[in-house]
């Protein structure tokens, strides 16, 4: 049961319908088999990203002049939600790819934008966002990966952790220290000498989203791949995370919607004590709470997206959306297993996968404890000076 959508343009409505068609034709039939193969380390669903890219769905919020879709963030996020309702790993990948293009689009020079964005937005390339480190986590200032000037060029040494698409990406948007108290952003091509990858992490879910450490062993990077000004990397990363959190909020909402849809159908069909279990008030009220959680999550990310589209500050609202939507996804997928009872605890139904996938949404793009820190600091800074 597709959720009610609010589209600012007819084109946006068409994009949602196109996304649903691709989800029904290509994503839903492949998700279970491909996730199982990916869990065994045998497959990465690159062909799915190629199809989405060919349809123009990997470049929606970027300018048309560089090959983007020139769509409002509100439309882009609803596309992400729709993809997540079919295949969460792919939706996360779409959000990550958008994040990898953000630095060049927002902070790059006109020459860099003209040189790099057409390839990034072509649908033929896939990016990785190399920010997190094994010991730094959400503390961006504590990163130890370092870029050293080599004439007009640079050399990067260090390790990045929990990097989606690692080993499969065409480029790595990489943040590295270029001084004791400053960092910079670089676009590192996948074939750069000295770039290598650890074994894939063995995760409890999102198996189609391959995650590894990225190792930089004196990797040479040409000077024209330093994004914008040297020393501006931390600000770029924080600004990018605001946008990235909205992507995760939308994906989490789509995941929760999928869990709700399975639960409602099962409750309407499964009979106990002579009638469908949905007619028992205790379970019906649980479904109502699940619907309220999904609707609330959608409202929070759409509100933040509209602020962003209007050019207004949205950092607090992005953190709120990420917090609300991911907590909702965890709650709704947990309740979905309860609605299905013993069947929900088996792999015969997708809700056990949804449950495993929901947990990490409360962790990446900044844990929900970090979101509370962001929200409280922004709330109080104007009051406390």
Protein backbone atom coordinates (compact mmCIF):
# COMPACT_ATOMS: atom_id res chain seq x y z
CA UNK A 1 0.00 0.00 0.00
CA UNK A 2 2.01 2.99 -1.26
CA UNK A 3 2.10 5.87 1.18
CA UNK A 4 0.42 9.16 0.34
CA UNK A 5 2.95 11.41 -1.42
CA UNK A 6 3.15 15.18 -1.59
CA UNK A 7 4.78 16.30 -4.83
CA UNK A 8 5.73 19.87 -5.61
CA UNK A 9 5.81 19.21 -9.37
CA UNK A 10 4.31 16.92 -11.97
CA UNK A 11 7.84 15.79 -12.77
CA UNK A 12 8.25 14.73 -9.15
CA UNK A 13 5.11 12.61 -9.37
CA UNK A 14 6.43 10.98 -12.56
CA UNK A 15 9.74 10.23 -10.85
CA UNK A 16 7.96 8.46 -8.01
CA UNK A 17 6.01 6.34 -10.48
CA UNK A 18 9.21 5.52 -12.37
CA UNK A 19 10.89 4.53 -9.10
CA UNK A 20 7.97 2.27 -8.16
CA UNK A 21 8.15 0.59 -11.56
CA UNK A 22 11.86 -0.14 -11.18
CA UNK A 23 11.32 -1.36 -7.62
CA UNK A 24 8.60 -3.78 -8.70
CA UNK A 25 10.42 -4.93 -11.83
CA UNK A 26 14.02 -5.21 -10.62
CA UNK A 27 14.50 -4.65 -6.90
CA UNK A 28 11.83 -6.66 -5.10
CA UNK A 29 12.36 -9.84 -7.18
CA UNK A 30 16.11 -9.77 -6.50
CA UNK A 31 16.48 -8.50 -2.94
CA UNK A 32 16.32 -11.75 -0.95
CA UNK A 33 18.61 -13.78 -3.18
CA UNK A 34 21.12 -10.98 -3.63
CA UNK A 35 21.24 -10.12 0.08
CA UNK A 36 21.95 -13.78 0.83
CA UNK A 37 24.71 -13.90 -1.79
CA UNK A 38 26.18 -10.65 -0.50
CA UNK A 39 26.18 -12.01 3.06
CA UNK A 40 28.39 -14.82 1.80
CA UNK A 41 30.68 -12.29 0.17
CA UNK A 42 29.75 -13.39 -3.33
CA UNK A 43 28.00 -10.37 -4.82
CA UNK A 44 27.63 -6.59 -4.83
CA UNK A 45 24.47 -5.33 -6.60
CA UNK A 46 26.28 -2.98 -8.98
CA UNK A 47 23.82 -3.80 -11.76
CA UNK A 48 21.00 -2.32 -9.68
CA UNK A 49 22.85 0.97 -9.28
CA UNK A 50 23.54 0.93 -13.03
CA UNK A 51 19.80 0.65 -13.71
CA UNK A 52 18.97 3.43 -11.27
CA UNK A 53 21.71 5.56 -12.77
CA UNK A 54 20.45 5.00 -16.31
CA UNK A 55 17.02 6.14 -15.13
CA UNK A 56 18.53 9.33 -13.72
CA UNK A 57 17.77 8.44 -10.10
CA UNK A 58 21.35 8.76 -8.81
CA UNK A 59 21.64 12.46 -9.61
CA UNK A 60 18.26 13.99 -8.78
CA UNK A 61 19.17 16.89 -6.44
CA UNK A 62 22.07 18.20 -8.56
CA UNK A 63 22.04 20.83 -11.32
CA UNK A 64 21.05 19.90 -14.83
CA UNK A 65 24.03 21.72 -16.32
CA UNK A 66 26.35 19.07 -14.84
CA UNK A 67 24.13 16.09 -15.62
CA UNK A 68 21.86 16.16 -12.58
CA UNK A 69 18.09 15.98 -12.33
CA UNK A 70 17.65 19.51 -10.95
CA UNK A 71 14.98 18.29 -8.54
CA UNK A 72 14.07 19.61 -5.07
CA UNK A 73 15.46 17.66 -2.15
CA UNK A 74 11.89 16.89 -1.19
CA UNK A 75 11.47 14.87 -4.38
CA UNK A 76 14.85 13.18 -4.13
CA UNK A 77 14.16 12.01 -0.56
CA UNK A 78 10.82 10.53 -1.50
CA UNK A 79 12.57 8.56 -4.23
CA UNK A 80 15.02 7.28 -1.59
CA UNK A 81 12.10 6.30 0.63
CA UNK A 82 10.45 4.41 -2.20
CA UNK A 83 13.67 2.50 -2.96
CA UNK A 84 14.11 1.66 0.73
CA UNK A 85 10.65 0.14 0.89
CA UNK A 86 11.89 -2.39 -1.68
CA UNK A 87 15.61 -2.75 -0.85
CA UNK A 88 17.21 -0.94 2.06
CA UNK A 89 20.83 -1.63 1.09
CA UNK A 90 20.30 0.03 -2.27
CA UNK A 91 18.56 3.04 -0.75
CA UNK A 92 21.47 3.56 1.63
CA UNK A 93 23.78 3.30 -1.36
CA UNK A 94 21.85 5.97 -3.25
CA UNK A 95 22.09 8.27 -0.23
CA UNK A 96 25.82 7.60 0.12
CA UNK A 97 26.44 8.31 -3.56
CA UNK A 98 24.62 11.63 -3.30
CA UNK A 99 26.76 12.50 -0.28
CA UNK A 100 29.96 11.74 -2.22
CA UNK A 101 28.96 14.30 -4.89
CA UNK A 102 27.93 16.96 -2.39
CA UNK A 103 31.38 18.39 -1.62
CA UNK A 104 32.29 19.06 -5.25
CA UNK A 105 28.82 20.43 -6.03
CA UNK A 106 28.74 22.74 -3.00
CA UNK A 107 32.38 23.70 -2.38
CA UNK A 108 34.27 22.85 -5.57
CA UNK A 109 35.57 25.46 -7.94
CA UNK A 110 33.69 25.96 -11.24
CA UNK A 111 36.55 24.15 -12.96
CA UNK A 112 36.26 21.17 -10.60
CA UNK A 113 32.50 21.04 -10.99
CA UNK A 114 32.81 21.04 -14.77
CA UNK A 115 35.53 18.38 -14.72
CA UNK A 116 34.20 16.00 -12.05
CA UNK A 117 30.44 16.32 -11.67
CA UNK A 118 29.40 15.05 -15.13
CA UNK A 119 31.13 11.75 -14.45
CA UNK A 120 29.88 11.53 -10.86
CA UNK A 121 26.31 12.22 -11.97
CA UNK A 122 26.36 10.17 -15.17
CA UNK A 123 24.87 7.11 -13.55
CA UNK A 124 27.90 5.11 -14.63
CA UNK A 125 30.00 5.96 -11.58
CA UNK A 126 29.47 5.09 -7.93
CA UNK A 127 31.13 6.99 -5.10
CA UNK A 128 32.28 6.21 -1.56
CA UNK A 129 32.38 8.69 1.33
CA UNK A 130 35.59 8.24 3.29
CA UNK A 131 35.20 10.20 6.53
CA UNK A 132 34.91 7.80 9.50
CA UNK A 133 37.99 6.25 11.06
CA UNK A 134 38.52 3.26 13.38
CA UNK A 135 39.13 5.41 16.48
CA UNK A 136 37.64 8.79 15.56
CA UNK A 137 34.03 7.76 14.84
CA UNK A 138 31.79 10.81 15.10
CA UNK A 139 34.68 12.96 16.36
CA UNK A 140 35.72 14.41 13.00
CA UNK A 141 38.41 16.54 14.58
CA UNK A 142 40.15 13.41 15.87
CA UNK A 143 40.86 11.94 12.43
CA UNK A 144 44.43 10.79 11.88
CA UNK A 145 44.48 10.24 8.11
CA UNK A 146 46.87 12.88 6.79
CA UNK A 147 47.49 14.49 3.40
CA UNK A 148 50.96 15.93 2.85
CA UNK A 149 51.81 18.41 0.14
CA UNK A 150 54.01 17.03 -2.64
CA UNK A 151 54.77 20.08 -4.76
CA UNK A 152 51.44 21.05 -6.29
CA UNK A 153 50.04 17.61 -5.50
CA UNK A 154 49.32 15.58 -2.34
CA UNK A 155 50.01 12.21 -0.75
CA UNK A 156 47.56 10.59 1.66
CA UNK A 157 48.34 8.09 4.41
CA UNK A 158 45.86 6.57 6.86
CA UNK A 159 42.80 4.36 7.21
CA UNK A 160 39.08 4.98 6.91
CA UNK A 161 36.52 2.65 8.48
CA UNK A 162 32.92 1.63 7.79
CA UNK A 163 33.05 2.86 4.20
CA UNK A 164 30.10 1.85 2.01
CA UNK A 165 30.95 0.71 -1.54
CA UNK A 166 34.62 0.26 -0.59
CA UNK A 167 36.27 -1.84 -3.28
CA UNK A 168 33.40 -1.22 -5.69
CA UNK A 169 33.37 2.59 -6.01
CA UNK A 170 34.86 4.60 -8.86
CA UNK A 171 35.99 7.43 -6.58
CA UNK A 172 36.46 8.13 -2.87
CA UNK A 173 35.49 11.51 -1.42
CA UNK A 174 38.18 11.53 1.25
CA UNK A 175 38.76 13.76 4.26
CA UNK A 176 42.30 14.05 5.62
CA UNK A 177 44.22 16.30 7.98
CA UNK A 178 46.33 18.92 6.20
CA UNK A 179 47.43 20.61 9.40
CA UNK A 180 47.22 20.18 13.16
CA UNK A 181 43.79 21.79 13.41
CA UNK A 182 42.43 21.64 9.89
CA UNK A 183 41.37 19.06 7.33
CA UNK A 184 40.73 19.06 3.61
CA UNK A 185 38.64 17.13 1.12
CA UNK A 186 40.00 15.19 -1.87
CA UNK A 187 38.39 13.17 -4.64
CA UNK A 188 40.59 10.08 -4.91
CA UNK A 189 40.15 7.88 -8.01
CA UNK A 190 39.67 4.18 -7.37
CA UNK A 191 42.74 3.22 -9.38
CA UNK A 192 45.12 5.47 -7.42
CA UNK A 193 48.37 3.63 -6.52
CA UNK A 194 48.55 2.65 -2.86
CA UNK A 195 44.77 2.51 -2.36
CA UNK A 196 43.64 -0.83 -0.94
CA UNK A 197 40.86 -2.37 1.14
CA UNK A 198 40.46 -4.65 4.12
CA UNK A 199 38.10 -7.63 4.12
CA UNK A 200 34.38 -6.78 4.14
CA UNK A 201 32.85 -6.33 7.58
CA UNK A 202 30.56 -9.16 8.69
CA UNK A 203 27.40 -7.27 9.56
CA UNK A 204 24.05 -8.38 10.97
CA UNK A 205 22.17 -6.68 8.12
CA UNK A 206 22.45 -4.53 5.00
CA UNK A 207 24.58 -7.21 3.39
CA UNK A 208 24.15 -5.63 -0.05
CA UNK A 209 25.88 -2.53 1.30
CA UNK A 210 29.48 -3.74 1.31
CA UNK A 211 31.47 -2.00 4.06
CA UNK A 212 35.25 -2.15 4.49
CA UNK A 213 38.24 -0.23 5.71
CA UNK A 214 39.94 1.87 3.04
CA UNK A 215 43.73 1.98 3.35
CA UNK A 216 45.76 4.88 1.98
CA UNK A 217 49.43 3.91 1.67
CA UNK A 218 51.11 7.09 0.42
CA UNK A 219 48.39 7.53 -2.20
CA UNK A 220 49.23 10.26 -4.74
CA UNK A 221 46.43 12.75 -5.48
CA UNK A 222 46.76 15.51 -8.05
CA UNK A 223 46.32 19.07 -6.83
CA UNK A 224 43.21 19.65 -8.92
CA UNK A 225 41.42 17.01 -6.81
CA UNK A 226 41.68 19.05 -3.62
CA UNK A 227 38.07 20.19 -3.32
CA UNK A 228 37.73 23.94 -2.87
CA UNK A 229 40.11 25.53 -0.42
CA UNK A 230 42.69 23.67 1.66
CA UNK A 231 41.72 23.49 5.32
CA UNK A 232 37.94 23.69 4.79
CA UNK A 233 37.29 19.95 5.09
CA UNK A 234 35.64 19.80 8.52
CA UNK A 235 33.06 22.39 7.54
CA UNK A 236 32.40 20.50 4.31
CA UNK A 237 31.96 17.23 6.19
CA UNK A 238 29.55 18.71 8.74
CA UNK A 239 27.47 20.39 6.02
CA UNK A 240 27.41 17.17 4.03
CA UNK A 241 26.27 15.18 7.05
CA UNK A 242 23.20 17.42 7.40
CA UNK A 243 22.14 16.41 3.90
CA UNK A 244 23.20 12.80 4.43
CA UNK A 245 21.12 12.51 7.60
CA UNK A 246 18.03 13.38 5.58
CA UNK A 247 18.87 10.57 3.17
CA UNK A 248 19.07 8.09 6.04
CA UNK A 249 15.83 9.47 7.55
CA UNK A 250 14.03 8.91 4.25
CA UNK A 251 15.48 5.41 3.89
CA UNK A 252 14.50 4.51 7.46
CA UNK A 253 10.97 5.72 6.77
CA UNK A 254 10.74 3.53 3.68
CA UNK A 255 11.97 0.54 5.67
CA UNK A 256 9.37 1.17 8.38
CA UNK A 257 6.65 1.54 5.73
CA UNK A 258 7.59 -1.83 4.27
CA UNK A 259 7.39 -3.46 7.71
CA UNK A 260 4.01 -1.86 8.34
CA UNK A 261 2.69 -3.03 4.96
CA UNK A 262 3.67 -6.66 5.65
CA UNK A 263 2.19 -6.47 9.15
CA UNK A 264 -1.15 -5.03 8.03
CA UNK A 265 -1.58 -7.60 5.25
CA UNK A 266 -0.70 -10.47 7.58
CA UNK A 267 -3.04 -9.22 10.30
CA UNK A 268 -5.91 -8.90 7.83
CA UNK A 269 -5.45 -12.47 6.55
CA UNK A 270 -4.35 -14.45 9.62
CA UNK A 271 -7.25 -15.80 11.68
CA UNK A 272 -7.32 -16.67 15.38
CA UNK A 273 -10.37 -17.39 17.51
CA UNK A 274 -12.59 -17.31 14.44
CA UNK A 275 -11.68 -13.89 13.01
CA UNK A 276 -8.72 -12.01 11.51
CA UNK A 277 -6.22 -10.99 14.17
CA UNK A 278 -6.50 -7.38 12.97
CA UNK A 279 -9.97 -7.30 14.52
CA UNK A 280 -8.53 -7.85 18.00
CA UNK A 281 -8.17 -4.46 19.60
CA UNK A 282 -4.75 -5.07 21.15
CA UNK A 283 -3.22 -5.84 17.77
CA UNK A 284 -5.24 -3.20 15.89
CA UNK A 285 -3.93 -0.54 18.27
CA UNK A 286 -0.38 -1.76 17.68
CA UNK A 287 -0.88 -1.29 13.94
CA UNK A 288 -2.25 2.18 14.60
CA UNK A 289 0.85 3.11 16.58
CA UNK A 290 3.05 1.78 13.77
CA UNK A 291 1.18 3.91 11.23
CA UNK A 292 1.54 6.97 13.47
CA UNK A 293 5.29 6.37 13.78
CA UNK A 294 5.77 6.05 10.01
CA UNK A 295 3.66 9.13 9.29
CA UNK A 296 5.53 11.16 11.90
CA UNK A 297 8.89 10.10 10.47
CA UNK A 298 7.85 11.11 6.98
CA UNK A 299 6.61 14.48 8.19
CA UNK A 300 9.90 15.29 9.93
CA UNK A 301 12.12 14.58 6.95
CA UNK A 302 9.80 16.38 4.53
CA UNK A 303 9.78 19.44 6.80
CA UNK A 304 13.58 19.51 6.88
CA UNK A 305 13.76 19.00 3.10
CA UNK A 306 11.43 21.92 2.48
CA UNK A 307 13.58 24.16 4.66
CA UNK A 308 16.64 23.08 2.69
CA UNK A 309 14.89 23.66 -0.63
CA UNK A 310 13.91 27.15 0.56
CA UNK A 311 17.53 27.97 1.38
CA UNK A 312 16.87 28.15 5.11
CA UNK A 313 18.87 26.64 7.98
CA UNK A 314 17.95 22.99 8.46
CA UNK A 315 20.73 21.42 10.53
CA UNK A 316 18.57 20.99 13.64
CA UNK A 317 15.66 19.67 11.62
CA UNK A 318 17.94 17.20 9.82
CA UNK A 319 19.11 15.83 13.16
CA UNK A 320 15.50 15.65 14.39
CA UNK A 321 14.46 13.82 11.23
CA UNK A 322 17.30 11.32 11.52
CA UNK A 323 16.52 10.72 15.20
CA UNK A 324 12.76 10.37 14.79
CA UNK A 325 12.82 8.31 11.59
CA UNK A 326 15.46 5.81 12.67
CA UNK A 327 13.96 5.30 16.12
CA UNK A 328 10.63 4.79 14.38
CA UNK A 329 12.15 2.22 12.04
CA UNK A 330 13.55 0.26 14.98
CA UNK A 331 10.24 0.39 16.83
CA UNK A 332 8.07 -0.47 13.82
CA UNK A 333 10.24 -3.37 12.65
CA UNK A 334 10.28 -4.75 16.21
CA UNK A 335 6.49 -4.52 16.38
CA UNK A 336 6.20 -6.12 12.94
CA UNK A 337 7.85 -9.27 14.26
CA UNK A 338 5.42 -9.23 17.18
CA UNK A 339 2.41 -8.91 14.83
CA UNK A 340 3.57 -11.91 12.83
CA UNK A 341 4.41 -13.88 15.98
CA UNK A 342 6.53 -16.96 15.40
CA UNK A 343 6.37 -16.46 11.65
CA UNK A 344 8.00 -13.06 12.06
CA UNK A 345 11.02 -14.67 13.67
CA UNK A 346 11.69 -16.80 10.60
CA UNK A 347 13.26 -15.90 7.26
CA UNK A 348 10.02 -16.93 5.54
CA UNK A 349 8.87 -13.33 5.97
CA UNK A 350 10.98 -10.22 5.35
CA UNK A 351 10.31 -8.56 8.71
CA UNK A 352 13.26 -10.31 10.36
CA UNK A 353 15.50 -8.75 7.69
CA UNK A 354 13.86 -5.36 8.18
CA UNK A 355 14.57 -5.63 11.91
CA UNK A 356 18.26 -6.37 11.32
CA UNK A 357 18.52 -3.54 8.82
CA UNK A 358 16.80 -0.99 11.05
CA UNK A 359 19.32 -1.19 13.89
CA UNK A 360 22.23 0.36 12.02
CA UNK A 361 20.16 3.39 11.03
CA UNK A 362 20.39 4.49 14.65
CA UNK A 363 24.19 4.32 14.39
CA UNK A 364 25.50 5.61 11.06
CA UNK A 365 25.55 9.25 9.88
CA UNK A 366 26.07 10.02 13.57
CA UNK A 367 24.52 7.91 16.32
CA UNK A 368 21.21 9.03 17.71
CA UNK A 369 23.04 10.15 20.83
CA UNK A 370 25.04 12.49 18.57
CA UNK A 371 21.77 13.73 17.04
CA UNK A 372 20.53 14.64 20.50
CA UNK A 373 23.79 16.49 21.12
CA UNK A 374 23.39 18.43 17.85
CA UNK A 375 19.75 19.25 18.60
CA UNK A 376 20.38 20.39 22.18
CA UNK A 377 23.41 22.50 21.28
CA UNK A 378 21.55 24.24 18.45
CA UNK A 379 18.54 24.78 20.67
CA UNK A 380 20.52 26.35 23.48
CA UNK A 381 23.28 28.25 21.69
CA UNK A 382 21.19 31.38 21.13
CA UNK A 383 20.04 31.32 24.73
CA UNK A 384 23.38 30.75 26.43
CA UNK A 385 25.61 32.82 24.13
